[in-house]
Amino acid sequence: MGIEIIFKLAGIGLVTAIVCMLLKRSGKEEMATLTGVAGLVLGLIILIDMVVQLFSALQSLFGY
């Protein structure tokens, strides 16, 4: 589970950066900003899911 999540986050970041650069060069700065925010939100959702899994593993470890 560890390395594949890192690759997934890196892929999201890379695709988001490329799309943002393309949109900025074509003169659509607003869409580039929205694309950057969408990529950030998607990455944060993945990270929040990992934190939830961590807390559930800790709860089962300590028996709560």
N, C-alpha and C. Protein backbone atom coordinates (compact mmCIF):
# COMPACT_ATOMS: atom_id res chain seq x y z
N MET A 1 0.81 -1.18 0.00
CA MET A 1 0.00 0.00 0.00
C MET A 1 0.86 1.26 0.00
N GLY A 2 2.07 1.20 0.47
CA GLY A 2 2.88 2.39 0.66
C GLY A 2 3.35 3.06 -0.62
N ILE A 3 4.06 2.32 -1.45
CA ILE A 3 4.70 2.93 -2.61
C ILE A 3 3.70 3.27 -3.70
N GLU A 4 2.62 2.52 -3.81
CA GLU A 4 1.64 2.80 -4.86
C GLU A 4 0.88 4.10 -4.58
N ILE A 5 0.67 4.40 -3.31
CA ILE A 5 0.02 5.67 -2.97
C ILE A 5 0.92 6.85 -3.34
N ILE A 6 2.22 6.70 -3.09
CA ILE A 6 3.16 7.75 -3.44
C ILE A 6 3.18 7.97 -4.95
N PHE A 7 3.18 6.88 -5.71
CA PHE A 7 3.15 7.02 -7.17
C PHE A 7 1.84 7.64 -7.64
N LYS A 8 0.74 7.29 -7.00
CA LYS A 8 -0.54 7.85 -7.39
C LYS A 8 -0.57 9.35 -7.13
N LEU A 9 -0.08 9.79 -5.97
CA LEU A 9 -0.04 11.21 -5.66
C LEU A 9 0.91 11.96 -6.59
N ALA A 10 2.05 11.34 -6.90
CA ALA A 10 2.99 11.97 -7.83
C ALA A 10 2.38 12.09 -9.22
N GLY A 11 1.66 11.08 -9.65
CA GLY A 11 0.99 11.13 -10.96
C GLY A 11 -0.06 12.21 -11.02
N ILE A 12 -0.84 12.34 -9.95
CA ILE A 12 -1.86 13.40 -9.91
C ILE A 12 -1.18 14.76 -9.97
N GLY A 13 -0.11 14.93 -9.22
CA GLY A 13 0.61 16.20 -9.23
C GLY A 13 1.21 16.52 -10.58
N LEU A 14 1.78 15.52 -11.22
CA LEU A 14 2.40 15.73 -12.53
C LEU A 14 1.37 16.09 -13.59
N VAL A 15 0.27 15.36 -13.63
CA VAL A 15 -0.78 15.65 -14.61
C VAL A 15 -1.38 17.03 -14.36
N THR A 16 -1.60 17.36 -13.09
CA THR A 16 -2.15 18.66 -12.76
C THR A 16 -1.20 19.79 -13.18
N ALA A 17 0.08 19.61 -12.94
CA ALA A 17 1.05 20.64 -13.32
C ALA A 17 1.11 20.83 -14.82
N ILE A 18 1.08 19.75 -15.57
CA ILE A 18 1.13 19.84 -17.03
C ILE A 18 -0.11 20.53 -17.58
N VAL A 19 -1.27 20.14 -17.07
CA VAL A 19 -2.51 20.76 -17.55
C VAL A 19 -2.54 22.24 -17.18
N CYS A 20 -2.07 22.58 -15.98
CA CYS A 20 -2.03 23.99 -15.58
C CYS A 20 -1.11 24.80 -16.48
N MET A 21 0.05 24.25 -16.80
CA MET A 21 0.97 24.97 -17.70
C MET A 21 0.36 25.16 -19.07
N LEU A 22 -0.29 24.14 -19.60
CA LEU A 22 -0.91 24.26 -20.92
C LEU A 22 -2.03 25.30 -20.92
N LEU A 23 -2.82 25.30 -19.85
CA LEU A 23 -3.91 26.28 -19.78
C LEU A 23 -3.39 27.70 -19.62
N LYS A 24 -2.32 27.88 -18.86
CA LYS A 24 -1.77 29.22 -18.68
C LYS A 24 -1.17 29.75 -19.98
N ARG A 25 -0.53 28.87 -20.75
CA ARG A 25 0.06 29.31 -22.02
C ARG A 25 -1.00 29.64 -23.06
N SER A 26 -2.17 29.02 -22.92
CA SER A 26 -3.23 29.34 -23.87
C SER A 26 -4.07 30.53 -23.41
N GLY A 27 -3.72 31.13 -22.27
CA GLY A 27 -4.39 32.33 -21.82
C GLY A 27 -5.60 32.10 -20.95
N LYS A 28 -5.75 30.93 -20.41
CA LYS A 28 -6.91 30.63 -19.57
C LYS A 28 -6.46 30.42 -18.12
N GLU A 29 -6.07 31.53 -17.49
CA GLU A 29 -5.53 31.45 -16.14
C GLU A 29 -6.57 30.99 -15.12
N GLU A 30 -7.84 31.37 -15.33
CA GLU A 30 -8.88 30.97 -14.39
C GLU A 30 -9.06 29.45 -14.39
N MET A 31 -9.06 28.87 -15.57
CA MET A 31 -9.21 27.41 -15.67
C MET A 31 -7.98 26.70 -15.10
N ALA A 32 -6.81 27.31 -15.28
CA ALA A 32 -5.59 26.73 -14.71
C ALA A 32 -5.65 26.73 -13.19
N THR A 33 -6.16 27.80 -12.62
CA THR A 33 -6.31 27.87 -11.16
C THR A 33 -7.29 26.82 -10.67
N LEU A 34 -8.41 26.69 -11.36
CA LEU A 34 -9.40 25.69 -10.97
C LEU A 34 -8.85 24.27 -11.10
N THR A 35 -8.04 24.04 -12.12
CA THR A 35 -7.42 22.73 -12.30
C THR A 35 -6.44 22.45 -11.17
N GLY A 36 -5.68 23.44 -10.78
CA GLY A 36 -4.75 23.28 -9.66
C GLY A 36 -5.47 22.97 -8.36
N VAL A 37 -6.57 23.68 -8.12
CA VAL A 37 -7.36 23.43 -6.91
C VAL A 37 -7.97 22.03 -6.95
N ALA A 38 -8.45 21.61 -8.10
CA ALA A 38 -9.04 20.28 -8.22
C ALA A 38 -7.99 19.19 -7.97
N GLY A 39 -6.79 19.38 -8.48
CA GLY A 39 -5.72 18.42 -8.22
C GLY A 39 -5.35 18.37 -6.75
N LEU A 40 -5.32 19.54 -6.11
CA LEU A 40 -5.03 19.60 -4.68
C LEU A 40 -6.09 18.89 -3.86
N VAL A 41 -7.35 19.13 -4.20
CA VAL A 41 -8.45 18.49 -3.48
C VAL A 41 -8.41 16.98 -3.66
N LEU A 42 -8.12 16.53 -4.86
CA LEU A 42 -8.04 15.09 -5.12
C LEU A 42 -6.91 14.45 -4.32
N GLY A 43 -5.77 15.11 -4.26
CA GLY A 43 -4.66 14.61 -3.45
C GLY A 43 -4.99 14.58 -1.98
N LEU A 44 -5.68 15.61 -1.49
CA LEU A 44 -6.05 15.65 -0.08
C LEU A 44 -7.07 14.58 0.27
N ILE A 45 -7.97 14.27 -0.65
CA ILE A 45 -8.94 13.20 -0.41
C ILE A 45 -8.22 11.87 -0.24
N ILE A 46 -7.23 11.62 -1.07
CA ILE A 46 -6.45 10.39 -0.96
C ILE A 46 -5.71 10.35 0.37
N LEU A 47 -5.12 11.48 0.78
CA LEU A 47 -4.41 11.52 2.05
C LEU A 47 -5.34 11.35 3.24
N ILE A 48 -6.53 11.94 3.18
CA ILE A 48 -7.49 11.79 4.27
C ILE A 48 -7.92 10.34 4.39
N ASP A 49 -8.10 9.66 3.26
CA ASP A 49 -8.44 8.23 3.30
C ASP A 49 -7.33 7.43 3.97
N MET A 50 -6.08 7.78 3.70
CA MET A 50 -4.96 7.08 4.35
C MET A 50 -4.95 7.33 5.85
N VAL A 51 -5.25 8.55 6.29
CA VAL A 51 -5.27 8.87 7.71
C VAL A 51 -6.41 8.11 8.41
N VAL A 52 -7.55 8.01 7.75
CA VAL A 52 -8.67 7.26 8.32
C VAL A 52 -8.29 5.79 8.48
N GLN A 53 -7.62 5.23 7.49
CA GLN A 53 -7.17 3.83 7.60
C GLN A 53 -6.16 3.67 8.72
N LEU A 54 -5.28 4.65 8.90
CA LEU A 54 -4.31 4.60 9.99
C LEU A 54 -5.01 4.62 11.34
N PHE A 55 -5.98 5.51 11.53
CA PHE A 55 -6.68 5.58 12.81
C PHE A 55 -7.49 4.32 13.07
N SER A 56 -8.10 3.74 12.06
CA SER A 56 -8.84 2.49 12.27
C SER A 56 -7.89 1.35 12.62
N ALA A 57 -6.70 1.34 12.04
CA ALA A 57 -5.71 0.31 12.39
C ALA A 57 -5.23 0.50 13.83
N LEU A 58 -5.04 1.74 14.24
CA LEU A 58 -4.64 2.00 15.62
C LEU A 58 -5.74 1.63 16.60
N GLN A 59 -7.00 1.90 16.24
CA GLN A 59 -8.09 1.51 17.11
C GLN A 59 -8.18 0.01 17.26
N SER A 60 -8.01 -0.72 16.19
CA SER A 60 -8.07 -2.18 16.29
C SER A 60 -6.85 -2.73 17.03
N LEU A 61 -5.72 -2.05 16.95
CA LEU A 61 -4.54 -2.48 17.65
C LEU A 61 -4.70 -2.33 19.16
N PHE A 62 -5.29 -1.22 19.59
CA PHE A 62 -5.46 -0.98 21.02
C PHE A 62 -6.81 -1.43 21.56
N GLY A 63 -7.65 -1.97 20.71
CA GLY A 63 -8.91 -2.57 21.15
C GLY A 63 -10.00 -1.60 21.50
N TYR A 64 -10.05 -0.43 20.91
CA TYR A 64 -11.11 0.53 21.18
C TYR A 64 -12.23 0.38 20.18
